[in-house]
Amino acid sequence: LVQAGGSLRLSCAASGRTFSNYAMGWFRQAPGKEREFVIGISRNGGR
């Protein structure tokens, strides 16, 4: 929980296959809404 105007940092830890073989994304879903894209990053972080 954070107040409007504030900041928050989310982390995602991966395990299993080689992490650098996967592009990663963050999505979000609000109540009553469809899941939506938020932000993404390429395999090497370059894009």
All heavy atoms as atom14 arrays in JSON, in Angstrom:
{
  "sequence": "LVQAGGSLRLSCAASGRTFSNYAMGWFRQAPGKEREFVIGISRNGGR",
  "atom14_mask": [
    [1, 1, 1, 1, 1, 1, 1, 1, 0, 0, 0, 0, 0, 0],
    [1, 1, 1, 1, 1, 1, 1, 0, 0, 0, 0, 0, 0, 0],
    [1, 1, 1, 1, 1, 1, 1, 1, 1, 0, 0, 0, 0, 0],
    [1, 1, 1, 1, 1, 0, 0, 0, 0, 0, 0, 0, 0, 0],
    [1, 1, 1, 1, 0, 0, 0, 0, 0, 0, 0, 0, 0, 0],
    [1, 1, 1, 1, 0, 0, 0, 0, 0, 0, 0, 0, 0, 0],
    [1, 1, 1, 1, 1, 1, 0, 0, 0, 0, 0, 0, 0, 0],
    [1, 1, 1, 1, 1, 1, 1, 1, 0, 0, 0, 0, 0, 0],
    [1, 1, 1, 1, 1, 1, 1, 1, 1, 1, 1, 0, 0, 0],
    [1, 1, 1, 1, 1, 1, 1, 1, 0, 0, 0, 0, 0, 0],
    [1, 1, 1, 1, 1, 1, 0, 0, 0, 0, 0, 0, 0, 0],
    [1, 1, 1, 1, 1, 1, 0, 0, 0, 0, 0, 0, 0, 0],
    [1, 1, 1, 1, 1, 0, 0, 0, 0, 0, 0, 0, 0, 0],
    [1, 1, 1, 1, 1, 0, 0, 0, 0, 0, 0, 0, 0, 0],
    [1, 1, 1, 1, 1, 1, 0, 0, 0, 0, 0, 0, 0, 0],
    [1, 1, 1, 1, 0, 0, 0, 0, 0, 0, 0, 0, 0, 0],
    [1, 1, 1, 1, 1, 1, 1, 1, 1, 1, 1, 0, 0, 0],
    [1, 1, 1, 1, 1, 1, 1, 0, 0, 0, 0, 0, 0, 0],
    [1, 1, 1, 1, 1, 1, 1, 1, 1, 1, 1, 0, 0, 0],
    [1, 1, 1, 1, 1, 1, 0, 0, 0, 0, 0, 0, 0, 0],
    [1, 1, 1, 1, 1, 1, 1, 1, 0, 0, 0, 0, 0, 0],
    [1, 1, 1, 1, 1, 1, 1, 1, 1, 1, 1, 1, 0, 0],
    [1, 1, 1, 1, 1, 0, 0, 0, 0, 0, 0, 0, 0, 0],
    [1, 1, 1, 1, 1, 1, 1, 1, 0, 0, 0, 0, 0, 0],
    [1, 1, 1, 1, 0, 0, 0, 0, 0, 0, 0, 0, 0, 0],
    [1, 1, 1, 1, 1, 1, 1, 1, 1, 1, 1, 1, 1, 1],
    [1, 1, 1, 1, 1, 1, 1, 1, 1, 1, 1, 0, 0, 0],
    [1, 1, 1, 1, 1, 1, 1, 1, 1, 1, 1, 0, 0, 0],
    [1, 1, 1, 1, 1, 1, 1, 1, 1, 0, 0, 0, 0, 0],
    [1, 1, 1, 1, 1, 0, 0, 0, 0, 0, 0, 0, 0, 0],
    [1, 1, 1, 1, 1, 1, 1, 0, 0, 0, 0, 0, 0, 0],
    [1, 1, 1, 1, 0, 0, 0, 0, 0, 0, 0, 0, 0, 0],
    [1, 1, 1, 1, 1, 1, 1, 1, 1, 0, 0, 0, 0, 0],
    [1, 1, 1, 1, 1, 1, 1, 1, 1, 0, 0, 0, 0, 0],
    [1, 1, 1, 1, 1, 1, 1, 1, 1, 1, 1, 0, 0, 0],
    [1, 1, 1, 1, 1, 1, 1, 1, 1, 0, 0, 0, 0, 0],
    [1, 1, 1, 1, 1, 1, 1, 1, 1, 1, 1, 0, 0, 0],
    [1, 1, 1, 1, 1, 1, 1, 0, 0, 0, 0, 0, 0, 0],
    [1, 1, 1, 1, 1, 1, 1, 1, 0, 0, 0, 0, 0, 0],
    [1, 1, 1, 1, 0, 0, 0, 0, 0, 0, 0, 0, 0, 0],
    [1, 1, 1, 1, 1, 1, 1, 1, 0, 0, 0, 0, 0, 0],
    [1, 1, 1, 1, 1, 1, 0, 0, 0, 0, 0, 0, 0, 0],
    [1, 1, 1, 1, 1, 1, 1, 1, 1, 1, 1, 0, 0, 0],
    [1, 1, 1, 1, 1, 1, 1, 1, 0, 0, 0, 0, 0, 0],
    [1, 1, 1, 1, 0, 0, 0, 0, 0, 0, 0, 0, 0, 0],
    [1, 1, 1, 1, 0, 0, 0, 0, 0, 0, 0, 0, 0, 0],
    [1, 1, 1, 1, 1, 1, 1, 1, 1, 1, 1, 0, 0, 0]
  ],
  "atom14_positions": [
    [[0.85, -1.19, 0.0], [0.0, 0.0, 0.0], [0.89, 1.24, 0.0], [1.82, 1.34, 0.8], [-0.89, -0.01, 1.24], [-1.75, 1.23, 1.48], [-2.78, 1.41, 0.38], [-2.44, 1.11, 2.85], [0.0, 0.0, 0.0], [0.0, 0.0, 0.0], [0.0, 0.0, 0.0], [0.0, 0.0, 0.0], [0.0, 0.0, 0.0], [0.0, 0.0, 0.0]],
    [[0.58, 2.17, -0.87], [1.37, 3.4, -0.97], [0.42, 4.56, -1.28], [-0.63, 4.36, -1.91], [2.46, 3.26, -2.05], [1.85, 3.04, -3.42], [3.41, 4.44, -2.04], [0.0, 0.0, 0.0], [0.0, 0.0, 0.0], [0.0, 0.0, 0.0], [0.0, 0.0, 0.0], [0.0, 0.0, 0.0], [0.0, 0.0, 0.0], [0.0, 0.0, 0.0]],
    [[0.79, 5.73, -0.82], [-0.02, 6.91, -1.1], [0.24, 7.42, -2.52], [1.32, 7.21, -3.08], [0.29, 8.01, -0.1], [-0.24, 7.75, 1.3], [-0.09, 8.95, 2.21], [0.79, 9.77, 2.0], [-0.94, 9.03, 3.22], [0.0, 0.0, 0.0], [0.0, 0.0, 0.0], [0.0, 0.0, 0.0], [0.0, 0.0, 0.0], [0.0, 0.0, 0.0]],
    [[-0.74, 8.08, -3.07], [-0.57, 8.68, -4.39], [0.64, 9.61, -4.39], [0.87, 10.35, -3.43], [-1.83, 9.45, -4.77], [0.0, 0.0, 0.0], [0.0, 0.0, 0.0], [0.0, 0.0, 0.0], [0.0, 0.0, 0.0], [0.0, 0.0, 0.0], [0.0, 0.0, 0.0], [0.0, 0.0, 0.0], [0.0, 0.0, 0.0], [0.0, 0.0, 0.0]],
    [[1.4, 9.52, -5.45], [2.63, 10.3, -5.56], [3.85, 9.57, -5.05], [4.98, 10.02, -5.27], [0.0, 0.0, 0.0], [0.0, 0.0, 0.0], [0.0, 0.0, 0.0], [0.0, 0.0, 0.0], [0.0, 0.0, 0.0], [0.0, 0.0, 0.0], [0.0, 0.0, 0.0], [0.0, 0.0, 0.0], [0.0, 0.0, 0.0], [0.0, 0.0, 0.0]],
    [[3.63, 8.47, -4.39], [4.72, 7.7, -3.82], [5.37, 6.76, -4.82], [5.02, 6.74, -6.01], [0.0, 0.0, 0.0], [0.0, 0.0, 0.0], [0.0, 0.0, 0.0], [0.0, 0.0, 0.0], [0.0, 0.0, 0.0], [0.0, 0.0, 0.0], [0.0, 0.0, 0.0], [0.0, 0.0, 0.0], [0.0, 0.0, 0.0], [0.0, 0.0, 0.0]],
    [[6.31, 5.98, -4.32], [7.07, 5.05, -5.15], [7.02, 3.65, -4.55], [6.82, 3.48, -3.34], [8.53, 5.51, -5.26], [8.62, 6.76, -5.88], [0.0, 0.0, 0.0], [0.0, 0.0, 0.0], [0.0, 0.0, 0.0], [0.0, 0.0, 0.0], [0.0, 0.0, 0.0], [0.0, 0.0, 0.0], [0.0, 0.0, 0.0], [0.0, 0.0, 0.0]],
    [[7.24, 2.69, -5.42], [7.27, 1.29, -5.0], [8.13, 0.53, -5.99], [8.13, 0.85, -7.19], [5.85, 0.73, -4.98], [5.54, -0.47, -4.09], [5.82, -0.14, -2.62], [4.08, -0.86, -4.25], [0.0, 0.0, 0.0], [0.0, 0.0, 0.0], [0.0, 0.0, 0.0], [0.0, 0.0, 0.0], [0.0, 0.0, 0.0], [0.0, 0.0, 0.0]],
    [[8.84, -0.47, -5.5], [9.68, -1.3, -6.36], [9.25, -2.74, -6.25], [9.22, -3.3, -5.16], [11.15, -1.15, -5.98], [12.12, -1.82, -6.95], [13.57, -1.56, -6.52], [14.55, -2.07, -7.46], [15.02, -1.37, -8.48], [14.63, -0.13, -8.68], [15.91, -1.91, -9.3], [0.0, 0.0, 0.0], [0.0, 0.0, 0.0], [0.0, 0.0, 0.0]],
    [[8.92, -3.31, -7.39], [8.57, -4.72, -7.45], [9.74, -5.51, -7.99], [10.46, -5.03, -8.87], [7.35, -4.94, -8.35], [6.08, -4.15, -8.02], [4.97, -4.56, -8.98], [5.67, -4.33, -6.59], [0.0, 0.0, 0.0], [0.0, 0.0, 0.0], [0.0, 0.0, 0.0], [0.0, 0.0, 0.0], [0.0, 0.0, 0.0], [0.0, 0.0, 0.0]],
    [[9.89, -6.71, -7.5], [10.94, -7.6, -8.0], [10.33, -8.92, -8.43], [9.32, -9.36, -7.88], [11.99, -7.84, -6.92], [12.73, -6.68, -6.65], [0.0, 0.0, 0.0], [0.0, 0.0, 0.0], [0.0, 0.0, 0.0], [0.0, 0.0, 0.0], [0.0, 0.0, 0.0], [0.0, 0.0, 0.0], [0.0, 0.0, 0.0], [0.0, 0.0, 0.0]],
    [[10.96, -9.54, -9.39], [10.54, -10.85, -9.87], [11.78, -11.73, -9.94], [12.73, -11.4, -10.63], [9.88, -10.72, -11.23], [9.45, -12.3, -12.01], [0.0, 0.0, 0.0], [0.0, 0.0, 0.0], [0.0, 0.0, 0.0], [0.0, 0.0, 0.0], [0.0, 0.0, 0.0], [0.0, 0.0, 0.0], [0.0, 0.0, 0.0], [0.0, 0.0, 0.0]],
    [[11.74, -12.83, -9.21], [12.84, -13.78, -9.21], [12.47, -14.98, -10.07], [11.38, -15.55, -9.89], [13.16, -14.22, -7.79], [0.0, 0.0, 0.0], [0.0, 0.0, 0.0], [0.0, 0.0, 0.0], [0.0, 0.0, 0.0], [0.0, 0.0, 0.0], [0.0, 0.0, 0.0], [0.0, 0.0, 0.0], [0.0, 0.0, 0.0], [0.0, 0.0, 0.0]],
    [[13.35, -15.34, -10.97], [13.1, -16.44, -11.88], [14.0, -17.63, -11.55], [15.13, -17.46, -11.1], [13.34, -15.99, -13.32], [0.0, 0.0, 0.0], [0.0, 0.0, 0.0], [0.0, 0.0, 0.0], [0.0, 0.0, 0.0], [0.0, 0.0, 0.0], [0.0, 0.0, 0.0], [0.0, 0.0, 0.0], [0.0, 0.0, 0.0], [0.0, 0.0, 0.0]],
    [[13.48, -18.8, -11.81], [14.25, -20.03, -11.65], [13.8, -21.02, -12.71], [12.72, -20.88, -13.29], [14.08, -20.62, -10.24], [12.73, -20.94, -10.0], [0.0, 0.0, 0.0], [0.0, 0.0, 0.0], [0.0, 0.0, 0.0], [0.0, 0.0, 0.0], [0.0, 0.0, 0.0], [0.0, 0.0, 0.0], [0.0, 0.0, 0.0], [0.0, 0.0, 0.0]],
    [[14.63, -22.0, -12.95], [14.3, -22.99, -13.95], [15.25, -22.88, -15.13], [16.43, -23.11, -14.97], [0.0, 0.0, 0.0], [0.0, 0.0, 0.0], [0.0, 0.0, 0.0], [0.0, 0.0, 0.0], [0.0, 0.0, 0.0], [0.0, 0.0, 0.0], [0.0, 0.0, 0.0], [0.0, 0.0, 0.0], [0.0, 0.0, 0.0], [0.0, 0.0, 0.0]],
    [[14.75, -22.48, -16.25], [15.56, -22.4, -17.47], [16.41, -21.14, -17.49], [16.31, -20.28, -16.63], [14.65, -22.49, -18.69], [13.95, -23.84, -18.8], [13.13, -23.95, -20.06], [12.53, -25.28, -20.17], [11.71, -25.63, -21.14], [11.4, -24.77, -22.09], [11.21, -26.85, -21.18], [0.0, 0.0, 0.0], [0.0, 0.0, 0.0], [0.0, 0.0, 0.0]],
    [[17.26, -21.03, -18.49], [18.19, -19.92, -18.59], [17.45, -18.61, -18.72], [16.76, -18.35, -19.72], [19.12, -20.12, -19.79], [19.79, -21.38, -19.67], [20.15, -19.01, -19.86], [0.0, 0.0, 0.0], [0.0, 0.0, 0.0], [0.0, 0.0, 0.0], [0.0, 0.0, 0.0], [0.0, 0.0, 0.0], [0.0, 0.0, 0.0], [0.0, 0.0, 0.0]],
    [[17.61, -17.77, -17.72], [16.84, -16.53, -17.63], [17.11, -15.61, -18.82], [16.18, -14.97, -19.33], [17.2, -15.83, -16.32], [16.47, -14.56, -16.06], [15.09, -14.56, -15.89], [17.15, -13.35, -16.0], [14.41, -13.38, -15.64], [16.47, -12.16, -15.75], [15.09, -12.19, -15.57], [0.0, 0.0, 0.0], [0.0, 0.0, 0.0], [0.0, 0.0, 0.0]],
    [[18.34, -15.55, -19.27], [18.69, -14.63, -20.35], [18.1, -15.04, -21.7], [18.23, -14.3, -22.67], [20.21, -14.51, -20.46], [20.79, -15.78, -20.7], [0.0, 0.0, 0.0], [0.0, 0.0, 0.0], [0.0, 0.0, 0.0], [0.0, 0.0, 0.0], [0.0, 0.0, 0.0], [0.0, 0.0, 0.0], [0.0, 0.0, 0.0], [0.0, 0.0, 0.0]],
    [[17.47, -16.18, -21.77], [16.79, -16.61, -22.99], [15.37, -16.08, -23.1], [14.67, -16.38, -24.07], [16.75, -18.13, -23.08], [18.1, -18.73, -23.41], [19.01, -18.03, -23.86], [18.25, -20.02, -23.18], [0.0, 0.0, 0.0], [0.0, 0.0, 0.0], [0.0, 0.0, 0.0], [0.0, 0.0, 0.0], [0.0, 0.0, 0.0], [0.0, 0.0, 0.0]],
    [[14.95, -15.31, -22.1], [13.57, -14.85, -22.04], [13.48, -13.34, -21.95], [14.14, -12.71, -21.11], [12.86, -15.46, -20.83], [12.67, -16.95, -20.95], [13.68, -17.82, -20.58], [11.49, -17.48, -21.48], [13.52, -19.19, -20.72], [11.32, -18.84, -21.61], [12.35, -19.69, -21.23], [12.19, -21.04, -21.38], [0.0, 0.0, 0.0], [0.0, 0.0, 0.0]],
    [[12.63, -12.78, -22.8], [12.21, -11.41, -22.6], [11.24, -11.42, -21.42], [10.55, -12.42, -21.18], [11.52, -10.86, -23.84], [0.0, 0.0, 0.0], [0.0, 0.0, 0.0], [0.0, 0.0, 0.0], [0.0, 0.0, 0.0], [0.0, 0.0, 0.0], [0.0, 0.0, 0.0], [0.0, 0.0, 0.0], [0.0, 0.0, 0.0], [0.0, 0.0, 0.0]],
    [[11.19, -10.33, -20.71], [10.36, -10.26, -19.52], [9.39, -9.1, -19.6], [9.67, -8.06, -20.2], [11.23, -10.09, -18.28], [12.22, -11.23, -18.05], [11.42, -12.82, -17.79], [10.55, -12.51, -16.25], [0.0, 0.0, 0.0], [0.0, 0.0, 0.0], [0.0, 0.0, 0.0], [0.0, 0.0, 0.0], [0.0, 0.0, 0.0], [0.0, 0.0, 0.0]],
    [[8.25, -9.28, -18.98], [7.26, -8.23, -18.96], [6.54, -8.17, -17.63], [6.52, -9.14, -16.88], [0.0, 0.0, 0.0], [0.0, 0.0, 0.0], [0.0, 0.0, 0.0], [0.0, 0.0, 0.0], [0.0, 0.0, 0.0], [0.0, 0.0, 0.0], [0.0, 0.0, 0.0], [0.0, 0.0, 0.0], [0.0, 0.0, 0.0], [0.0, 0.0, 0.0]],
    [[5.99, -7.0, -17.39], [5.1, -6.82, -16.25], [3.72, -6.46, -16.79], [3.6, -5.6, -17.67], [5.59, -5.71, -15.32], [6.77, -6.08, -14.48], [8.08, -5.88, -14.77], [6.75, -6.69, -13.19], [8.88, -6.34, -13.76], [8.07, -6.83, -12.76], [5.73, -7.11, -12.34], [8.41, -7.4, -11.53], [6.07, -7.67, -11.11], [7.4, -7.8, -10.72]],
    [[2.74, -7.11, -16.26], [1.35, -6.85, -16.59], [0.61, -6.54, -15.3], [1.1, -6.82, -14.2], [0.73, -8.07, -17.27], [1.29, -8.35, -18.63], [2.54, -8.93, -18.79], [0.56, -8.03, -19.78], [3.07, -9.19, -20.04], [1.08, -8.29, -21.05], [2.33, -8.87, -21.17], [0.0, 0.0, 0.0], [0.0, 0.0, 0.0], [0.0, 0.0, 0.0]],
    [[-0.58, -6.0, -15.44], [-1.4, -5.74, -14.25], [-2.86, -5.97, -14.56], [-3.3, -5.87, -15.72], [-1.17, -4.32, -13.73], [-1.68, -3.21, -14.65], [-1.26, -1.84, -14.11], [-1.72, -0.74, -14.97], [-1.37, 0.52, -14.81], [-0.54, 0.87, -13.82], [-1.82, 1.44, -15.63], [0.0, 0.0, 0.0], [0.0, 0.0, 0.0], [0.0, 0.0, 0.0]],
    [[-3.59, -6.27, -13.51], [-5.02, -6.49, -13.66], [-5.75, -5.87, -12.48], [-5.53, -6.25, -11.33], [-5.35, -7.99, -13.74], [-6.78, -8.28, -14.08], [-6.98, -9.72, -14.49], [-6.16, -10.6, -14.22], [-8.11, -9.99, -15.15], [0.0, 0.0, 0.0], [0.0, 0.0, 0.0], [0.0, 0.0, 0.0], [0.0, 0.0, 0.0], [0.0, 0.0, 0.0]],
    [[-6.57, -4.9, -12.79], [-7.39, -4.25, -11.79], [-8.73, -4.98, -11.68], [-9.14, -5.66, -12.63], [-7.62, -2.79, -12.16], [0.0, 0.0, 0.0], [0.0, 0.0, 0.0], [0.0, 0.0, 0.0], [0.0, 0.0, 0.0], [0.0, 0.0, 0.0], [0.0, 0.0, 0.0], [0.0, 0.0, 0.0], [0.0, 0.0, 0.0], [0.0, 0.0, 0.0]],
    [[-9.42, -4.86, -10.56], [-10.71, -5.53, -10.39], [-11.68, -5.18, -11.5], [-11.87, -4.0, -11.83], [-11.21, -5.01, -9.04], [-9.97, -4.66, -8.31], [-9.02, -4.14, -9.35], [0.0, 0.0, 0.0], [0.0, 0.0, 0.0], [0.0, 0.0, 0.0], [0.0, 0.0, 0.0], [0.0, 0.0, 0.0], [0.0, 0.0, 0.0], [0.0, 0.0, 0.0]],
    [[-12.26, -6.2, -12.1], [-13.25, -6.0, -13.14], [-12.68, -5.62, -14.49], [-13.45, -5.33, -15.42], [0.0, 0.0, 0.0], [0.0, 0.0, 0.0], [0.0, 0.0, 0.0], [0.0, 0.0, 0.0], [0.0, 0.0, 0.0], [0.0, 0.0, 0.0], [0.0, 0.0, 0.0], [0.0, 0.0, 0.0], [0.0, 0.0, 0.0], [0.0, 0.0, 0.0]],
    [[-11.36, -5.62, -14.61], [-10.73, -5.23, -15.88], [-9.87, -6.37, -16.41], [-9.48, -7.28, -15.69], [-9.9, -3.97, -15.69], [-10.71, -2.74, -15.33], [-9.85, -1.49, -15.34], [-10.67, -0.25, -15.05], [-9.85, 0.98, -15.1], [0.0, 0.0, 0.0], [0.0, 0.0, 0.0], [0.0, 0.0, 0.0], [0.0, 0.0, 0.0], [0.0, 0.0, 0.0]],
    [[-9.54, -6.27, -17.69], [-8.68, -7.27, -18.29], [-7.22, -7.01, -17.91], [-6.83, -5.88, -17.59], [-8.83, -7.24, -19.81], [-10.19, -7.67, -20.3], [-10.26, -7.76, -21.82], [-9.29, -7.35, -22.48], [-11.28, -8.24, -22.33], [0.0, 0.0, 0.0], [0.0, 0.0, 0.0], [0.0, 0.0, 0.0], [0.0, 0.0, 0.0], [0.0, 0.0, 0.0]],
    [[-6.46, -8.06, -17.97], [-5.03, -7.92, -17.72], [-4.4, -7.09, -18.83], [-4.7, -7.31, -20.01], [-4.37, -9.29, -17.62], [-2.95, -9.26, -17.08], [-2.45, -10.66, -16.81], [-3.27, -11.33, -15.79], [-2.96, -12.51, -15.26], [-1.84, -13.14, -15.61], [-3.75, -13.07, -14.37], [0.0, 0.0, 0.0], [0.0, 0.0, 0.0], [0.0, 0.0, 0.0]],
    [[-3.54, -6.16, -18.46], [-2.95, -5.27, -19.45], [-1.44, -5.2, -19.31], [-0.88, -5.35, -18.22], [-3.54, -3.86, -19.33], [-3.23, -3.16, -18.03], [-3.74, -1.72, -18.0], [-4.39, -1.27, -18.97], [-3.47, -1.03, -16.99], [0.0, 0.0, 0.0], [0.0, 0.0, 0.0], [0.0, 0.0, 0.0], [0.0, 0.0, 0.0], [0.0, 0.0, 0.0]],
    [[-0.79, -4.93, -20.43], [0.65, -4.76, -20.46], [1.05, -3.47, -19.76], [0.4, -2.44, -19.92], [1.12, -4.74, -21.92], [2.56, -4.35, -22.09], [3.57, -5.25, -21.88], [2.88, -3.05, -22.47], [4.9, -4.89, -22.04], [4.21, -2.68, -22.64], [5.22, -3.6, -22.43], [0.0, 0.0, 0.0], [0.0, 0.0, 0.0], [0.0, 0.0, 0.0]],
    [[2.14, -3.54, -19.01], [2.66, -2.36, -18.33], [4.01, -1.97, -18.9], [4.23, -0.83, -19.35], [2.8, -2.6, -16.81], [3.45, -1.4, -16.13], [1.44, -2.91, -16.19], [0.0, 0.0, 0.0], [0.0, 0.0, 0.0], [0.0, 0.0, 0.0], [0.0, 0.0, 0.0], [0.0, 0.0, 0.0], [0.0, 0.0, 0.0], [0.0, 0.0, 0.0]],
    [[4.93, -2.92, -18.91], [6.3, -2.61, -19.29], [7.02, -3.9, -19.62], [6.68, -4.96, -19.09], [6.99, -1.86, -18.12], [8.22, -1.1, -18.56], [7.27, -2.8, -16.96], [8.71, -0.1, -17.49], [0.0, 0.0, 0.0], [0.0, 0.0, 0.0], [0.0, 0.0, 0.0], [0.0, 0.0, 0.0], [0.0, 0.0, 0.0], [0.0, 0.0, 0.0]],
    [[8.01, -3.83, -20.51], [8.74, -5.02, -20.9], [10.2, -4.73, -21.17], [10.59, -3.57, -21.35], [0.0, 0.0, 0.0], [0.0, 0.0, 0.0], [0.0, 0.0, 0.0], [0.0, 0.0, 0.0], [0.0, 0.0, 0.0], [0.0, 0.0, 0.0], [0.0, 0.0, 0.0], [0.0, 0.0, 0.0], [0.0, 0.0, 0.0], [0.0, 0.0, 0.0]],
    [[10.98, -5.79, -21.22], [12.41, -5.65, -21.45], [12.91, -6.85, -22.25], [12.45, -7.97, -22.06], [13.17, -5.5, -20.11], [14.63, -5.09, -20.33], [13.06, -6.76, -19.27], [15.31, -4.61, -19.05], [0.0, 0.0, 0.0], [0.0, 0.0, 0.0], [0.0, 0.0, 0.0], [0.0, 0.0, 0.0], [0.0, 0.0, 0.0], [0.0, 0.0, 0.0]],
    [[13.84, -6.57, -23.16], [14.37, -7.62, -24.02], [15.3, -8.55, -23.23], [15.62, -8.31, -22.08], [15.13, -6.99, -25.19], [16.23, -6.22, -24.7], [0.0, 0.0, 0.0], [0.0, 0.0, 0.0], [0.0, 0.0, 0.0], [0.0, 0.0, 0.0], [0.0, 0.0, 0.0], [0.0, 0.0, 0.0], [0.0, 0.0, 0.0], [0.0, 0.0, 0.0]],
    [[15.75, -9.58, -23.89], [16.54, -10.61, -23.23], [17.82, -10.07, -22.59], [18.17, -10.45, -21.48], [16.93, -11.68, -24.24], [15.76, -12.48, -24.79], [16.24, -13.41, -25.89], [15.18, -14.27, -26.4], [15.38, -15.22, -27.31], [16.58, -15.42, -27.8], [14.37, -15.95, -27.72], [0.0, 0.0, 0.0], [0.0, 0.0, 0.0], [0.0, 0.0, 0.0]],
    [[18.48, -9.18, -23.29], [19.74, -8.66, -22.76], [19.57, -7.29, -22.09], [20.56, -6.68, -21.69], [20.79, -8.55, -23.86], [20.41, -7.57, -24.95], [19.38, -6.9, -24.87], [21.25, -7.44, -25.96], [0.0, 0.0, 0.0], [0.0, 0.0, 0.0], [0.0, 0.0, 0.0], [0.0, 0.0, 0.0], [0.0, 0.0, 0.0], [0.0, 0.0, 0.0]],
    [[18.35, -6.83, -22.01], [18.08, -5.56, -21.36], [18.31, -4.35, -22.24], [18.17, -3.22, -21.79], [0.0, 0.0, 0.0], [0.0, 0.0, 0.0], [0.0, 0.0, 0.0], [0.0, 0.0, 0.0], [0.0, 0.0, 0.0], [0.0, 0.0, 0.0], [0.0, 0.0, 0.0], [0.0, 0.0, 0.0], [0.0, 0.0, 0.0], [0.0, 0.0, 0.0]],
    [[18.64, -4.58, -23.48], [18.96, -3.47, -24.36], [17.77, -2.67, -24.84], [17.91, -1.51, -25.24], [0.0, 0.0, 0.0], [0.0, 0.0, 0.0], [0.0, 0.0, 0.0], [0.0, 0.0, 0.0], [0.0, 0.0, 0.0], [0.0, 0.0, 0.0], [0.0, 0.0, 0.0], [0.0, 0.0, 0.0], [0.0, 0.0, 0.0], [0.0, 0.0, 0.0]],
    [[16.61, -3.28, -24.81], [15.4, -2.57, -25.26], [14.32, -2.68, -24.2], [14.16, -3.73, -23.57], [14.91, -3.17, -26.57], [15.87, -2.97, -27.72], [15.3, -3.51, -29.01], [16.23, -3.33, -30.13], [16.0, -3.76, -31.36], [14.86, -4.37, -31.64], [16.89, -3.57, -32.32], [0.0, 0.0, 0.0], [0.0, 0.0, 0.0], [0.0, 0.0, 0.0]]
  ]
}
